[in-house]
């Protein structure tokens, strides 16, 4: 068995009966911190996590020291994290020591492994599931990447698939499909360093698209299968959920900032004015009165009478449409590859700040040839109505994830112990090398 590294401290078991939890969404344009209180819902054993969750504090700030979701200046990133966390702590009137972190970078990749086992008694038991999982993970080598999410995504019993939980069912041949999502370890280490310098402990990591799915998808969508496209500032993250589990994940290094930069370059204006024009008048649908309607464009570097000129609104929309079409053509290609191939025909839910652009939903539906809707933030108690939009889906979903984190229950105890022994052996070898070299 090769070494498999798990990110953060996921899989530590259920939360206490009532506890303070926190989530940190580190995006390309903003950093958001949410502090909430999680408590069980009386009279409902399997109640949704959002029903027992109340937001106590919220803090947001610009994502300084962050580029495309990755840390490029640890000092600036630490300062930004401190500002967001401090604002949330003041509002909640409490302090936090650990956070779940929503991430959009790290170039996530998903691999699906399958293991088979013949049931011992003709009825699927825990030992049968454990053996099938061990068979799936046998020989798996994570290489130079770190595991972020690992869990069963499907069970097949005697040729019958789409079984969420086979325990106790009669059958002879069991197959377990394991979904493994990995990211680059250096990316996680840099984020952890910035968070730890802010005197916080990373309790776990979650992909922003997976977190957005926790907020935006209905229970039926998550069960039947849906694709979440979280369009952030510099990264567009993809997640395919099936049976409520993350079955595939990917990302593109394109987002809302690229739309803004295109407008700024195409119309020779500043970034700030380009962002304002995109927000106020941007529409990626063709037609209408765009050729006749004019918009004022402050020219970059000009002064006096020549500092402002007017262009048809259609010019602005053509610039935006070209980039949006590029993004969704790339998304369409990703959805037809690898683990995403199983999502053919699945509904698409758009989240993220860039998804708020007028006409984006209709354009995405036309280019992807799928039903598309806009998703919003989780309807949490204590969360203001003006924040319940797609741009806040990842942050609110991260708090939902913190209230009910996924356990790495797919790995049996014996396999976990073997992995731990392998990690300890590696650490001893590194220590010996350091001692000999220095």
Protein backbone atom coordinates (compact mmCIF):
# COMPACT_ATOMS: atom_id res chain seq x y z
CA UNK A 1 0.00 0.00 0.00
CA UNK A 2 1.35 3.41 -1.00
CA UNK A 3 1.24 6.53 1.12
CA UNK A 4 -2.05 8.45 0.91
CA UNK A 5 -2.17 11.85 2.58
CA UNK A 6 -5.41 13.33 3.82
CA UNK A 7 -5.77 17.11 3.91
CA UNK A 8 -6.68 18.83 7.16
CA UNK A 9 -8.41 16.91 9.92
CA UNK A 10 -11.46 15.67 8.09
CA UNK A 11 -13.06 12.52 9.37
CA UNK A 12 -12.77 13.39 13.05
CA UNK A 13 -16.37 12.38 13.77
CA UNK A 14 -19.64 14.19 14.46
CA UNK A 15 -19.75 17.60 16.04
CA UNK A 16 -20.79 18.06 19.67
CA UNK A 17 -24.46 18.62 20.46
CA UNK A 18 -24.00 22.37 20.17
CA UNK A 19 -20.85 23.98 18.89
CA UNK A 20 -19.36 27.06 17.33
CA UNK A 21 -18.04 26.44 13.82
CA UNK A 22 -16.31 28.67 11.29
CA UNK A 23 -15.65 28.65 7.56
CA UNK A 24 -13.19 30.66 5.50
CA UNK A 25 -13.80 31.09 1.78
CA UNK A 26 -10.54 32.11 0.09
CA UNK A 27 -11.41 33.33 -3.38
CA UNK A 28 -9.61 35.26 -6.07
CA UNK A 29 -11.30 38.59 -5.34
CA UNK A 30 -12.54 38.35 -1.75
CA UNK A 31 -12.00 36.45 1.47
CA UNK A 32 -15.10 35.70 3.54
CA UNK A 33 -15.33 34.34 7.06
CA UNK A 34 -18.54 32.95 8.52
CA UNK A 35 -19.03 31.95 12.13
CA UNK A 36 -22.06 29.90 13.02
CA UNK A 37 -23.64 27.82 15.73
CA UNK A 38 -24.62 24.26 14.94
CA UNK A 39 -27.08 22.31 17.04
CA UNK A 40 -29.25 19.23 16.35
CA UNK A 41 -32.86 19.64 15.26
CA UNK A 42 -35.20 18.19 17.86
CA UNK A 43 -37.37 15.33 16.74
CA UNK A 44 -35.50 14.78 13.44
CA UNK A 45 -32.61 12.35 13.32
CA UNK A 46 -31.65 12.91 9.67
CA UNK A 47 -32.44 16.61 9.47
CA UNK A 48 -30.62 18.75 6.93
CA UNK A 49 -27.51 20.47 8.26
CA UNK A 50 -28.89 23.93 7.40
CA UNK A 51 -31.89 23.49 9.68
CA UNK A 52 -29.76 23.44 12.82
CA UNK A 53 -27.32 26.11 11.70
CA UNK A 54 -27.41 29.79 12.57
CA UNK A 55 -24.99 32.47 11.36
CA UNK A 56 -23.49 34.49 14.20
CA UNK A 57 -20.86 36.57 12.43
CA UNK A 58 -19.66 37.54 8.97
CA UNK A 59 -16.53 39.29 7.76
CA UNK A 60 -15.33 40.06 4.23
CA UNK A 61 -12.31 41.76 2.73
CA UNK A 62 -10.45 41.99 -0.56
CA UNK A 63 -8.29 38.96 -1.35
CA UNK A 64 -4.86 40.52 -1.04
CA UNK A 65 -1.89 38.23 -1.58
CA UNK A 66 -4.12 35.79 -3.48
CA UNK A 67 -4.03 35.09 -7.21
CA UNK A 68 -6.29 32.54 -8.86
CA UNK A 69 -7.12 31.19 -5.42
CA UNK A 70 -3.45 30.55 -4.55
CA UNK A 71 -1.23 32.40 -2.09
CA UNK A 72 1.35 34.58 -3.85
CA UNK A 73 2.21 36.82 -0.88
CA UNK A 74 1.89 35.12 2.49
CA UNK A 75 2.15 38.36 4.47
CA UNK A 76 -0.63 40.06 2.50
CA UNK A 77 -2.76 36.90 2.63
CA UNK A 78 -2.29 36.62 6.40
CA UNK A 79 -3.33 40.25 6.84
CA UNK A 80 -6.46 39.79 4.72
CA UNK A 81 -7.44 36.64 6.61
CA UNK A 82 -6.97 38.43 9.93
CA UNK A 83 -9.24 41.29 8.81
CA UNK A 84 -12.04 38.98 7.65
CA UNK A 85 -11.83 36.77 10.75
CA UNK A 86 -11.65 39.73 13.13
CA UNK A 87 -14.79 41.28 11.61
CA UNK A 88 -16.65 37.98 11.93
CA UNK A 89 -15.49 37.48 15.53
CA UNK A 90 -16.58 40.99 16.51
CA UNK A 91 -20.01 40.46 15.00
CA UNK A 92 -20.38 37.02 16.62
CA UNK A 93 -18.89 38.24 19.91
CA UNK A 94 -16.77 35.14 20.16
CA UNK A 95 -13.34 33.93 19.09
CA UNK A 96 -12.47 30.94 16.93
CA UNK A 97 -9.40 28.73 16.81
CA UNK A 98 -10.03 26.57 13.75
CA UNK A 99 -11.77 26.93 10.41
CA UNK A 100 -12.87 24.88 7.44
CA UNK A 101 -11.41 26.40 4.30
CA UNK A 102 -13.10 26.62 0.91
CA UNK A 103 -10.56 26.62 -1.93
CA UNK A 104 -10.79 27.15 -5.68
CA UNK A 105 -7.19 26.58 -6.80
CA UNK A 106 -4.77 23.70 -6.61
CA UNK A 107 -5.76 22.26 -10.00
CA UNK A 108 -8.12 19.56 -8.64
CA UNK A 109 -8.26 16.20 -10.36
CA UNK A 110 -10.68 13.33 -9.81
CA UNK A 111 -10.01 9.63 -10.16
CA UNK A 112 -12.55 6.83 -9.78
CA UNK A 113 -11.34 3.42 -8.55
CA UNK A 114 -13.41 0.25 -8.31
CA UNK A 115 -13.07 -2.74 -5.99
CA UNK A 116 -15.02 -5.99 -5.94
CA UNK A 117 -15.81 -8.55 -3.28
CA UNK A 118 -17.92 -11.69 -3.01
CA UNK A 119 -20.22 -11.52 -0.01
CA UNK A 120 -19.45 -14.03 2.73
CA UNK A 121 -23.04 -14.88 3.70
CA UNK A 122 -25.09 -13.74 0.69
CA UNK A 123 -25.95 -10.54 2.55
CA UNK A 124 -23.76 -7.44 2.29
CA UNK A 125 -22.01 -6.83 5.60
CA UNK A 126 -19.40 -4.33 6.83
CA UNK A 127 -16.54 -6.75 6.16
CA UNK A 128 -17.65 -7.14 2.53
CA UNK A 129 -17.68 -3.38 2.01
CA UNK A 130 -14.30 -3.01 3.72
CA UNK A 131 -12.75 -5.72 1.54
CA UNK A 132 -14.12 -4.16 -1.67
CA UNK A 133 -12.70 -0.79 -0.63
CA UNK A 134 -9.32 -2.34 0.16
CA UNK A 135 -9.33 -3.89 -3.30
CA UNK A 136 -10.11 -0.50 -4.86
CA UNK A 137 -7.28 1.24 -3.00
CA UNK A 138 -4.74 -1.57 -3.42
CA UNK A 139 -1.77 -0.26 -5.35
CA UNK A 140 -3.17 3.28 -5.52
CA UNK A 141 -0.39 5.86 -5.50
CA UNK A 142 -1.32 9.48 -4.94
CA UNK A 143 2.10 10.53 -6.24
CA UNK A 144 3.01 14.14 -5.52
CA UNK A 145 -0.56 15.22 -4.88
CA UNK A 146 -2.71 15.42 -1.72
CA UNK A 147 -6.12 13.81 -1.27
CA UNK A 148 -8.87 16.31 -0.57
CA UNK A 149 -12.04 14.21 -0.85
CA UNK A 150 -12.33 10.42 -0.76
CA UNK A 151 -15.60 8.51 -0.48
CA UNK A 152 -17.80 5.91 -2.21
CA UNK A 153 -19.77 7.41 -5.10
CA UNK A 154 -21.62 4.28 -6.20
CA UNK A 155 -22.29 0.67 -5.28
CA UNK A 156 -23.17 -2.16 -7.67
CA UNK A 157 -24.68 -5.38 -6.36
CA UNK A 158 -25.07 -8.30 -8.76
CA UNK A 159 -25.07 -5.93 -11.72
CA UNK A 160 -27.57 -3.50 -10.22
CA UNK A 161 -26.01 -0.05 -9.84
CA UNK A 162 -26.91 3.32 -8.35
CA UNK A 163 -27.14 1.85 -4.84
CA UNK A 164 -26.46 4.50 -2.21
CA UNK A 165 -26.12 2.09 0.74
CA UNK A 166 -25.85 -1.68 0.09
CA UNK A 167 -25.47 -2.76 3.73
CA UNK A 168 -27.99 -5.48 4.55
CA UNK A 169 -29.01 -6.17 0.94
CA UNK A 170 -28.98 -9.73 -0.45
CA UNK A 171 -26.47 -10.37 -3.20
CA UNK A 172 -23.36 -12.26 -4.21
CA UNK A 173 -21.04 -9.81 -6.00
CA UNK A 174 -20.43 -6.32 -4.62
CA UNK A 175 -18.62 -3.51 -6.42
CA UNK A 176 -17.69 -0.23 -4.74
CA UNK A 177 -16.67 2.81 -6.78
CA UNK A 178 -14.43 5.22 -4.87
CA UNK A 179 -14.11 8.85 -5.91
CA UNK A 180 -10.76 10.45 -5.07
CA UNK A 181 -10.18 14.17 -5.59
CA UNK A 182 -6.61 15.40 -5.28
CA UNK A 183 -4.91 18.81 -5.37
CA UNK A 184 -1.34 20.04 -5.41
CA UNK A 185 0.22 19.78 -1.93
CA UNK A 186 2.24 23.01 -2.22
CA UNK A 187 -1.01 24.88 -2.80
CA UNK A 188 -2.48 23.51 0.44
CA UNK A 189 0.72 24.11 2.39
CA UNK A 190 0.84 27.78 1.35
CA UNK A 191 -2.79 28.28 2.32
CA UNK A 192 -2.24 26.49 5.62
CA UNK A 193 0.78 28.66 6.34
CA UNK A 194 -1.19 31.87 5.79
CA UNK A 195 -4.07 30.61 7.96
CA UNK A 196 -1.79 29.36 10.73
CA UNK A 197 0.08 32.68 10.82
CA UNK A 198 -3.32 34.23 11.57
CA UNK A 199 -3.41 31.96 14.68
CA UNK A 200 -5.99 29.58 13.23
CA UNK A 201 -5.90 25.84 12.65
CA UNK A 202 -7.22 24.43 9.36
CA UNK A 203 -9.87 21.90 10.40
CA UNK A 204 -10.29 20.74 6.82
CA UNK A 205 -10.51 21.82 3.20
CA UNK A 206 -13.39 21.72 0.74
CA UNK A 207 -13.48 22.61 -2.95
CA UNK A 208 -15.40 25.81 -3.59
CA UNK A 209 -17.59 24.11 -6.19
CA UNK A 210 -18.38 21.32 -3.73
CA UNK A 211 -19.15 23.89 -1.04
CA UNK A 212 -21.34 25.83 -3.48
CA UNK A 213 -23.18 22.59 -4.23
CA UNK A 214 -23.91 22.17 -0.52
CA UNK A 215 -25.60 25.58 -0.63
CA UNK A 216 -27.23 25.70 -4.06
CA UNK A 217 -28.43 22.16 -4.87
CA UNK A 218 -31.73 20.76 -3.73
CA UNK A 219 -31.75 17.30 -2.15
CA UNK A 220 -33.19 15.75 -5.31
CA UNK A 221 -30.60 17.42 -7.56
CA UNK A 222 -27.74 16.18 -5.39
CA UNK A 223 -29.20 12.67 -5.34
CA UNK A 224 -30.08 12.33 -9.04
CA UNK A 225 -26.94 14.08 -10.26
CA UNK A 226 -26.13 17.70 -11.05
CA UNK A 227 -23.15 19.75 -12.18
CA UNK A 228 -22.26 22.90 -10.27
CA UNK A 229 -20.25 25.55 -12.10
CA UNK A 230 -18.88 28.07 -9.61
CA UNK A 231 -17.71 31.12 -11.57
CA UNK A 232 -15.32 33.08 -9.38
CA UNK A 233 -13.07 36.02 -10.06
CA UNK A 234 -10.17 34.17 -11.69
CA UNK A 235 -11.19 30.49 -11.47
CA UNK A 236 -14.24 28.61 -12.70
CA UNK A 237 -14.65 25.45 -10.62
CA UNK A 238 -16.68 22.41 -11.66
CA UNK A 239 -18.23 19.73 -9.48
CA UNK A 240 -20.44 16.78 -10.36
CA UNK A 241 -22.49 15.41 -7.49
CA UNK A 242 -24.27 12.09 -7.55
CA UNK A 243 -26.01 10.37 -4.65
CA UNK A 244 -25.04 13.45 -2.68
CA UNK A 245 -21.32 12.72 -3.13
CA UNK A 246 -18.62 14.48 -5.11
CA UNK A 247 -18.07 12.27 -8.17
CA UNK A 248 -15.87 14.61 -10.26
CA UNK A 249 -14.12 17.97 -9.92
CA UNK A 250 -12.10 20.24 -12.17
CA UNK A 251 -11.28 23.92 -12.66
CA UNK A 252 -10.46 26.47 -15.34
CA UNK A 253 -8.17 29.46 -14.87
CA UNK A 254 -10.83 31.82 -16.22
CA UNK A 255 -13.42 33.90 -14.40
CA UNK A 256 -15.07 37.26 -13.93
CA UNK A 257 -11.80 39.17 -13.77
CA UNK A 258 -10.99 38.07 -17.31
CA UNK A 259 -14.30 39.53 -18.47
CA UNK A 260 -13.45 42.81 -16.76
CA UNK A 261 -9.94 42.89 -18.22
CA UNK A 262 -11.32 42.25 -21.72
CA UNK A 263 -13.68 45.23 -21.37
CA UNK A 264 -10.89 47.43 -20.03
CA UNK A 265 -8.60 46.56 -22.94
CA UNK A 266 -11.27 46.59 -25.62
CA UNK A 267 -12.68 49.98 -24.62
CA UNK A 268 -9.42 51.56 -23.36
CA UNK A 269 -10.77 52.29 -19.91
CA UNK A 270 -9.72 51.56 -16.33
CA UNK A 271 -10.34 48.29 -14.51
CA UNK A 272 -12.70 50.02 -12.07
CA UNK A 273 -14.80 51.55 -14.86
CA UNK A 274 -14.79 48.28 -16.79
CA UNK A 275 -16.13 46.43 -13.75
CA UNK A 276 -18.86 49.03 -13.28
CA UNK A 277 -19.86 48.89 -16.95
CA UNK A 278 -19.97 45.09 -16.86
CA UNK A 279 -22.17 45.14 -13.78
CA UNK A 280 -24.57 47.90 -14.90
CA UNK A 281 -24.95 47.28 -18.63
CA UNK A 282 -23.35 43.93 -19.42
CA UNK A 283 -25.55 41.38 -21.20
CA UNK A 284 -24.21 38.38 -23.12
CA UNK A 285 -27.43 37.83 -25.09
CA UNK A 286 -27.55 39.24 -28.58
CA UNK A 287 -30.31 41.35 -30.12
CA UNK A 288 -32.31 44.11 -28.47
CA UNK A 289 -31.46 47.76 -28.90
CA UNK A 290 -27.75 47.43 -28.22
CA UNK A 291 -26.74 49.04 -31.50
CA UNK A 292 -28.73 52.20 -30.77
CA UNK A 293 -28.11 52.51 -27.03
CA UNK A 294 -24.91 54.33 -26.18
CA UNK A 295 -22.80 54.12 -23.02
CA UNK A 296 -20.20 56.61 -21.81
CA UNK A 297 -16.67 55.24 -21.52
CA UNK A 298 -14.02 57.20 -19.55
CA UNK A 299 -10.83 56.81 -21.55
CA UNK A 300 -7.71 55.69 -19.75
CA UNK A 301 -5.08 58.44 -19.46
CA UNK A 302 -7.16 61.10 -21.27
CA UNK A 303 -8.14 64.47 -19.81
CA UNK A 304 -10.45 67.30 -20.73
CA UNK A 305 -13.07 67.06 -23.47
CA UNK A 306 -11.54 63.89 -24.90
CA UNK A 307 -11.63 61.99 -21.60
CA UNK A 308 -15.04 60.41 -22.29
CA UNK A 309 -16.45 58.95 -25.47
CA UNK A 310 -19.61 57.02 -26.24
CA UNK A 311 -19.85 53.58 -27.78
CA UNK A 312 -22.84 51.38 -28.59
CA UNK A 313 -23.78 49.02 -25.79
CA UNK A 314 -23.44 46.21 -28.33
CA UNK A 315 -19.65 46.74 -28.32
CA UNK A 316 -19.54 46.04 -24.61
CA UNK A 317 -21.78 43.00 -24.92
CA UNK A 318 -19.81 41.56 -27.85
CA UNK A 319 -16.63 41.69 -25.78
CA UNK A 320 -18.31 39.92 -22.88
CA UNK A 321 -20.00 37.36 -25.10
CA UNK A 322 -16.74 36.31 -26.74
CA UNK A 323 -15.12 35.48 -23.39
CA UNK A 324 -18.24 33.78 -22.00
CA UNK A 325 -18.45 31.56 -25.08
CA UNK A 326 -14.80 30.61 -24.62
CA UNK A 327 -15.39 29.68 -20.97
CA UNK A 328 -18.40 27.48 -21.68
CA UNK A 329 -16.77 25.83 -24.69
CA UNK A 330 -13.93 24.79 -22.37
CA UNK A 331 -16.44 23.71 -19.72
CA UNK A 332 -18.31 21.64 -22.31
CA UNK A 333 -15.07 19.88 -23.22
CA UNK A 334 -14.31 19.09 -19.57
CA UNK A 335 -17.81 17.72 -18.99
CA UNK A 336 -17.27 15.14 -21.70
CA UNK A 337 -14.03 13.78 -20.26
CA UNK A 338 -13.02 11.41 -17.46
CA UNK A 339 -15.27 11.12 -14.45
CA UNK A 340 -17.50 13.92 -15.78
CA UNK A 341 -18.63 11.69 -18.66
CA UNK A 342 -21.18 10.13 -16.29
CA UNK A 343 -22.84 13.55 -15.94
CA UNK A 344 -24.20 13.52 -19.51
CA UNK A 345 -27.59 15.19 -19.51
CA UNK A 346 -27.35 16.24 -15.87
CA UNK A 347 -28.72 19.60 -14.84
CA UNK A 348 -26.28 22.50 -14.47
CA UNK A 349 -26.44 25.00 -11.61
CA UNK A 350 -24.45 28.24 -11.92
CA UNK A 351 -23.02 29.94 -8.83
CA UNK A 352 -20.29 32.48 -8.11
CA UNK A 353 -20.12 36.23 -8.55
CA UNK A 354 -19.53 36.05 -12.31
CA UNK A 355 -22.73 34.02 -12.75
CA UNK A 356 -24.78 37.15 -12.01
CA UNK A 357 -24.07 38.61 -15.46
CA UNK A 358 -27.29 39.20 -17.41
CA UNK A 359 -28.05 36.58 -20.02
CA UNK A 360 -25.44 34.15 -18.72
CA UNK A 361 -27.90 31.40 -17.84
CA UNK A 362 -29.50 31.44 -21.29
CA UNK A 363 -26.11 31.48 -23.00
CA UNK A 364 -24.85 28.57 -20.88
CA UNK A 365 -27.96 26.52 -21.65
CA UNK A 366 -27.49 27.12 -25.38
CA UNK A 367 -23.77 26.26 -25.40
CA UNK A 368 -23.92 23.29 -23.02
CA UNK A 369 -27.19 21.91 -24.42
CA UNK A 370 -28.44 21.22 -20.91
CA UNK A 371 -31.01 22.64 -18.52
CA UNK A 372 -29.36 25.43 -16.54
CA UNK A 373 -30.49 27.45 -13.54
CA UNK A 374 -28.91 30.03 -11.27
CA UNK A 375 -28.08 28.89 -7.74
CA UNK A 376 -27.94 31.03 -4.62
CA UNK A 377 -26.46 30.91 -1.15
CA UNK A 378 -27.76 28.58 1.54
CA UNK A 379 -30.88 29.83 3.30
CA UNK A 380 -29.28 30.02 6.74
CA UNK A 381 -30.78 31.63 9.80
CA UNK A 382 -29.01 34.90 10.48
CA UNK A 383 -27.82 35.38 6.89
CA UNK A 384 -29.11 38.61 5.36
CA UNK A 385 -31.36 38.40 2.33
CA UNK A 386 -29.06 40.59 0.23
CA UNK A 387 -26.30 37.97 0.64
CA UNK A 388 -28.38 35.04 -0.59
CA UNK A 389 -27.09 35.20 -4.14
CA UNK A 390 -24.73 33.04 -6.17
CA UNK A 391 -21.68 35.08 -5.23
CA UNK A 392 -22.04 33.92 -1.62
CA UNK A 393 -22.83 30.27 -2.38
CA UNK A 394 -19.33 28.93 -1.72
CA UNK A 395 -18.93 30.79 1.57
CA UNK A 396 -22.32 29.75 2.94
CA UNK A 397 -21.84 26.21 1.64
CA UNK A 398 -18.49 26.01 3.41
CA UNK A 399 -20.25 26.74 6.69
CA UNK A 400 -22.80 24.03 5.92
CA UNK A 401 -19.91 21.68 5.20
CA UNK A 402 -18.28 22.63 8.52
CA UNK A 403 -21.51 21.70 10.31
CA UNK A 404 -21.58 18.29 8.62
CA UNK A 405 -18.15 17.45 7.18
CA UNK A 406 -17.66 14.39 5.05
CA UNK A 407 -15.96 11.58 6.88
CA UNK A 408 -13.31 9.50 5.16
CA UNK A 409 -15.32 6.45 6.15
CA UNK A 410 -14.44 4.83 2.84
CA UNK A 411 -11.09 3.76 4.26
CA UNK A 412 -11.37 0.81 6.67
CA UNK A 413 -9.61 1.01 10.03
CA UNK A 414 -6.98 -1.57 9.04
CA UNK A 415 -6.14 0.34 5.87
CA UNK A 416 -5.98 3.63 7.80
CA UNK A 417 -3.51 2.04 10.24
CA UNK A 418 -1.37 0.79 7.35
CA UNK A 419 -1.35 4.25 5.80
CA UNK A 420 -0.34 5.77 9.12
CA UNK A 421 2.55 3.32 9.47
CA UNK A 422 3.69 4.19 5.97
CA UNK A 423 3.60 7.90 6.80
CA UNK A 424 5.62 7.36 9.97
CA UNK A 425 8.19 5.33 8.07
CA UNK A 426 8.53 8.11 5.50
CA UNK A 427 8.94 10.71 8.25
CA UNK A 428 11.71 8.67 9.88
CA UNK A 429 13.52 8.34 6.54
CA UNK A 430 13.33 12.10 5.99
CA UNK A 431 14.63 12.72 9.52
CA UNK A 432 17.54 10.37 8.95
CA UNK A 433 18.38 12.09 5.66
CA UNK A 434 18.34 15.51 7.34
CA UNK A 435 20.59 14.27 10.14
CA UNK A 436 23.11 12.82 7.68
CA UNK A 437 23.05 15.83 5.36
CA UNK A 438 23.34 18.53 8.01
